[in-house]
Amino acid sequence: MVVRQETRPGAGAAGEPPEFRAAVATMRAAPLRPELHCEEMPAPQRIAPYAAALSADVDVDGEEVGTGRIILLHDPAGNDAWDGQFRCVAYARAEIDVELITDPMLAAVGWTWLTDALDAHGAAYTMASGSVTRVATESFGGMAEESATAQLEIRASWTPLHALGAADLDVAPHVEAWGELLCTAVGLPPVPDGVAVIPSRRGQRGSGA
């Protein structure tokens, strides 16, 4: 995984706290649905001392219908705004039916997609915040023949919590919930109970899981 951090003496993989390395390992190992083509990406360098990130596209019948990213931040000194040492930051964008753009409940429903996914995957968290934006695009003039389009964008952050009795933070459930958010937003049905989800191969955009 591409991990970026603030430049300072002794910085680099060897200088990463063991709790951060352990959390990143669980982030890499999270299983995702085959419609999600996931890869590691450079993480922001100035938000926190340590960060790691994944990006993903949702592919349905050869067409990209959604995209997103999730970032794990870590500050060993703690952050009062996070109420902890770790923070997940997620983004999801999905193509939606133009008719849905005027639904007054769309934004609230979009937010519950995230919280429901976190709960469903057993991802304990606190201090969640975010926004849901809907965007409609219509074309005119020389582009008037192009169909109207609509998108839903969800931006969120939350503080992941350790599982009861666990020494290290397991980020996999949070990554799985983000993946489910992406798939729900583009209208994919839930994976039936008892069906295994195969881990997505990191760094191979365009390949199935």
Protein backbone atom coordinates (compact mmCIF):
# COMPACT_ATOMS: atom_id res chain seq x y z
CA MET A 1 0.00 0.00 0.00
CA VAL A 2 1.19 3.51 -0.74
CA VAL A 3 1.62 5.22 2.59
CA ARG A 4 2.54 8.88 2.77
CA GLN A 5 3.42 10.88 5.85
CA GLU A 6 4.89 14.20 6.89
CA THR A 7 8.58 14.56 6.08
CA ARG A 8 10.69 14.66 9.24
CA PRO A 9 13.85 13.03 10.60
CA GLY A 10 13.49 9.28 10.74
CA ALA A 11 10.27 9.27 8.69
CA GLY A 12 9.48 6.29 6.50
CA ALA A 13 8.18 2.77 6.88
CA ALA A 14 10.71 1.94 9.56
CA GLY A 15 9.47 4.90 11.62
CA GLU A 16 5.77 4.06 11.42
CA PRO A 17 4.15 3.16 14.76
CA PRO A 18 3.42 -0.58 15.04
CA GLU A 19 -0.26 0.13 15.76
CA PHE A 20 -0.51 2.00 12.45
CA ARG A 21 1.24 -0.77 10.51
CA ALA A 22 -1.11 -3.33 12.05
CA ALA A 23 -4.19 -1.26 11.15
CA VAL A 24 -3.00 -0.80 7.56
CA ALA A 25 -2.49 -4.56 7.24
CA THR A 26 -6.16 -5.14 8.11
CA MET A 27 -7.14 -2.39 5.68
CA ARG A 28 -5.33 -4.21 2.87
CA ALA A 29 -6.93 -7.55 3.74
CA ALA A 30 -10.57 -6.39 3.69
CA PRO A 31 -12.70 -8.48 1.29
CA LEU A 32 -14.71 -6.54 -1.29
CA ARG A 33 -17.34 -7.51 -3.84
CA PRO A 34 -16.14 -8.45 -7.36
CA GLU A 35 -17.87 -5.41 -8.85
CA LEU A 36 -15.38 -3.24 -6.94
CA HIS A 37 -11.99 -2.76 -8.59
CA CYS A 38 -9.79 -1.53 -5.77
CA GLU A 39 -6.25 -0.21 -5.70
CA GLU A 40 -3.90 1.54 -3.32
CA MET A 41 -3.44 5.26 -3.82
CA PRO A 42 -1.22 8.00 -2.39
CA ALA A 43 -2.68 9.31 0.86
CA PRO A 44 -2.87 13.00 1.87
CA GLN A 45 0.37 14.09 3.51
CA ARG A 46 -0.70 17.03 5.66
CA ILE A 47 -3.88 15.96 7.41
CA ALA A 48 -2.22 13.63 9.92
CA PRO A 49 1.30 12.34 10.66
CA TYR A 50 0.46 8.95 9.10
CA ALA A 51 -2.08 8.02 6.45
CA ALA A 52 -2.96 5.21 4.04
CA ALA A 53 -5.61 5.14 1.30
CA LEU A 54 -7.57 2.95 -1.09
CA SER A 55 -9.60 3.93 -4.14
CA ALA A 56 -12.23 1.87 -5.94
CA ASP A 57 -14.44 1.94 -9.02
CA VAL A 58 -17.75 0.11 -9.30
CA ASP A 59 -18.05 -1.73 -12.64
CA VAL A 60 -21.42 -3.06 -13.79
CA ASP A 61 -21.58 -4.78 -17.20
CA GLY A 62 -18.35 -3.10 -18.25
CA GLU A 63 -19.53 0.39 -17.30
CA GLU A 64 -18.10 2.46 -14.46
CA VAL A 65 -21.09 3.64 -12.42
CA GLY A 66 -19.44 4.70 -9.18
CA THR A 67 -16.15 5.59 -7.60
CA GLY A 68 -14.79 6.29 -4.14
CA ARG A 69 -11.88 6.34 -1.75
CA ILE A 70 -11.22 5.65 1.91
CA ILE A 71 -8.35 7.08 3.93
CA LEU A 72 -7.06 5.93 7.30
CA LEU A 73 -5.45 8.71 9.35
CA HIS A 74 -3.34 8.21 12.46
CA ASP A 75 -1.99 10.66 15.00
CA PRO A 76 -0.16 8.92 17.87
CA ALA A 77 -0.63 12.02 20.02
CA GLY A 78 -4.40 11.85 19.60
CA ASN A 79 -6.72 14.42 18.10
CA ASP A 80 -9.45 16.12 20.12
CA ALA A 81 -11.63 16.56 17.04
CA TRP A 82 -11.48 12.79 16.42
CA ASP A 83 -11.75 11.73 20.07
CA GLY A 84 -9.02 9.19 19.31
CA GLN A 85 -5.82 8.42 17.46
CA PHE A 86 -7.37 7.10 14.22
CA ARG A 87 -9.87 8.54 11.76
CA CYS A 88 -11.53 7.11 8.65
CA VAL A 89 -12.35 9.52 5.84
CA ALA A 90 -14.51 8.22 3.00
CA TYR A 91 -15.91 9.48 -0.29
CA ALA A 92 -18.42 7.84 -2.63
CA ARG A 93 -19.87 9.06 -5.91
CA ALA A 94 -22.56 7.19 -7.82
CA GLU A 95 -24.59 7.67 -10.97
CA ILE A 96 -28.31 7.73 -10.11
CA ASP A 97 -31.58 8.06 -12.01
CA VAL A 98 -32.35 11.68 -12.85
CA GLU A 99 -35.84 11.24 -11.41
CA LEU A 100 -34.36 10.62 -7.95
CA ILE A 101 -32.65 14.00 -7.76
CA THR A 102 -35.84 15.73 -6.57
CA ASP A 103 -36.62 13.17 -3.85
CA PRO A 104 -36.53 15.16 -0.58
CA MET A 105 -35.44 12.04 1.33
CA LEU A 106 -32.52 11.17 -0.94
CA ALA A 107 -29.81 12.84 1.16
CA ALA A 108 -31.04 11.33 4.43
CA VAL A 109 -31.31 7.90 2.84
CA GLY A 110 -27.79 8.24 1.41
CA TRP A 111 -26.42 8.89 4.91
CA THR A 112 -28.21 5.86 6.35
CA TRP A 113 -26.59 3.71 3.66
CA LEU A 114 -23.28 4.47 5.36
CA THR A 115 -24.39 4.05 8.96
CA ASP A 116 -26.35 0.89 8.17
CA ALA A 117 -23.30 -0.57 6.39
CA LEU A 118 -21.04 0.19 9.35
CA ASP A 119 -23.50 -1.44 11.74
CA ALA A 120 -24.03 -4.45 9.47
CA HIS A 121 -20.29 -5.16 9.28
CA GLY A 122 -19.73 -4.71 13.00
CA ALA A 123 -17.56 -1.64 12.47
CA ALA A 124 -17.64 0.11 15.85
CA TYR A 125 -17.27 3.87 15.54
CA THR A 126 -17.95 7.25 17.10
CA MET A 127 -17.92 10.95 16.10
CA ALA A 128 -19.38 10.37 12.63
CA SER A 129 -19.96 13.42 10.43
CA GLY A 130 -20.38 14.16 6.76
CA SER A 131 -22.50 15.47 3.91
CA VAL A 132 -24.58 14.17 1.03
CA THR A 133 -24.69 16.14 -2.22
CA ARG A 134 -26.86 15.56 -5.27
CA VAL A 135 -25.86 16.99 -8.63
CA ALA A 136 -27.95 17.15 -11.82
CA THR A 137 -26.44 17.99 -15.22
CA GLU A 138 -28.36 19.12 -18.31
CA SER A 139 -26.78 19.99 -21.66
CA PHE A 140 -27.69 22.79 -24.06
CA GLY A 141 -26.73 24.22 -27.43
CA GLY A 142 -24.43 21.94 -29.36
CA MET A 143 -24.65 19.39 -26.55
CA ALA A 144 -28.44 19.47 -26.24
CA GLU A 145 -28.81 15.91 -27.55
CA GLU A 146 -26.90 14.50 -24.59
CA SER A 147 -29.10 12.96 -21.92
CA ALA A 148 -29.41 14.56 -18.50
CA THR A 149 -27.37 12.88 -15.77
CA ALA A 150 -27.46 12.86 -11.98
CA GLN A 151 -24.93 11.93 -9.33
CA LEU A 152 -24.95 11.41 -5.59
CA GLU A 153 -21.82 12.25 -3.56
CA ILE A 154 -21.31 11.13 0.02
CA ARG A 155 -18.44 12.49 2.11
CA ALA A 156 -17.99 11.18 5.62
CA SER A 157 -15.54 10.69 8.43
CA TRP A 158 -15.70 8.74 11.66
CA THR A 159 -13.45 7.49 14.44
CA PRO A 160 -13.01 3.69 14.32
CA LEU A 161 -13.01 1.92 17.67
CA HIS A 162 -11.11 -1.15 18.79
CA ALA A 163 -13.10 -4.34 19.04
CA LEU A 164 -13.75 -5.37 22.64
CA GLY A 165 -10.57 -6.88 24.07
CA ALA A 166 -8.53 -6.34 20.87
CA ALA A 167 -5.05 -4.87 21.18
CA ASP A 168 -4.87 -3.68 17.55
CA LEU A 169 -7.40 -1.75 15.50
CA ASP A 170 -9.16 -3.86 12.84
CA VAL A 171 -10.02 -1.56 9.93
CA ALA A 172 -11.33 -4.32 7.64
CA PRO A 173 -14.99 -3.94 8.74
CA HIS A 174 -14.81 -0.21 7.99
CA VAL A 175 -13.39 -0.83 4.51
CA GLU A 176 -16.06 -3.47 3.88
CA ALA A 177 -18.76 -0.98 4.94
CA TRP A 178 -17.33 1.64 2.56
CA GLY A 179 -17.41 -0.92 -0.24
CA GLU A 180 -21.03 -1.75 0.57
CA LEU A 181 -21.87 1.96 0.54
CA LEU A 182 -20.47 2.25 -3.00
CA CYS A 183 -22.45 -0.76 -4.21
CA THR A 184 -25.68 0.34 -2.53
CA ALA A 185 -25.38 3.83 -3.96
CA VAL A 186 -25.22 2.52 -7.53
CA GLY A 187 -28.20 0.23 -6.93
CA LEU A 188 -26.54 -3.18 -6.65
CA PRO A 189 -28.56 -5.69 -4.60
CA PRO A 190 -27.07 -6.97 -1.33
CA VAL A 191 -24.94 -10.11 -1.38
CA PRO A 192 -27.19 -13.00 -0.26
CA ASP A 193 -26.47 -14.55 3.13
CA GLY A 194 -24.02 -17.43 2.89
CA VAL A 195 -22.34 -16.14 -0.28
CA ALA A 196 -18.62 -15.57 0.22
CA VAL A 197 -17.02 -12.31 -0.89
CA ILE A 198 -13.57 -12.72 -2.42
CA PRO A 199 -10.84 -10.22 -1.47
CA SER A 200 -10.22 -7.68 -4.22
CA ARG A 201 -6.74 -7.70 -5.72
CA ARG A 202 -5.09 -4.41 -4.78
CA GLY A 203 -3.41 -2.32 -7.40
CA GLN A 204 -5.08 -4.02 -10.38
CA ARG A 205 -7.74 -1.62 -11.61
CA GLY A 206 -10.01 -3.24 -14.12
CA SER A 207 -9.50 -6.79 -12.84
CA GLY A 208 -12.16 -8.70 -10.93
CA ALA A 209 -11.79 -9.82 -7.38
